[in-house]
Amino acid sequence: MPYLLAIALAALLGGSVPALAKFAVVVFPTFSLLFIRFFVACMTLLPLIVRSKELNLRMLKNLTLVGIVGALNPIILYIALKYTQASVSPLLYAATPLLTALYLSRKKLETISRNSAIGIIIGFVGVAIIIALPLIINNGTQQLSFKGNLLIFAAVVAFTIYGIMSKKQSVKIGASPVA
């Protein structure tokens, strides 16, 4: 039962990030906010990493690029939230499984069934509509929102690439998710 509570708490906290970040980017400069986010994450995870005694210089070298790509996601997201609504973010992040499925299919690691392909196409049509919506409504006067939506999609792409890269590297070097 405690694991269900942990899952619910993680979903609640993860789902509230765009709304809280939208509020925060109005109050704080974007990169100051990012510094605070990364600093708190580092201070929270550092004891776990030190206790696991798993991280070494070779592992750090192998994970550097993965870390940079992973850091792009919140950086791009926080910049994007200055231009668009926070409610767009979860809708666009729903494209992550679609992008992952396309990647796995292109690399011939998974086959996509006809029904899955139809679902992926419908999903991308929905994502395209959400991104372009600011240009469609109000006679296209919402170009800043369109820019923000495009930036959020770029954050989604970065998040997808991070997920793929981190999985490959963790298997390659035998690292746990903590490292």
Foldseek 3Di string as FASTA:
>chain_A
DVVVVVVVVCCVVVVCVLVVLLVVVVVDPLVVVLVVVVVVVCVVLVVVCVVVVPDDPVLCVLCVVLVVLLSLLSSLLSVLSVQAPSVLLVLLLVCLVLVLVVVCVVVVNDPADPVRVVVSVVSVVSLVCSLCVCCVPPVHPSVSNNVSSVSSNVSSVSNSVSVVSVVVSCVVVVNDPSD
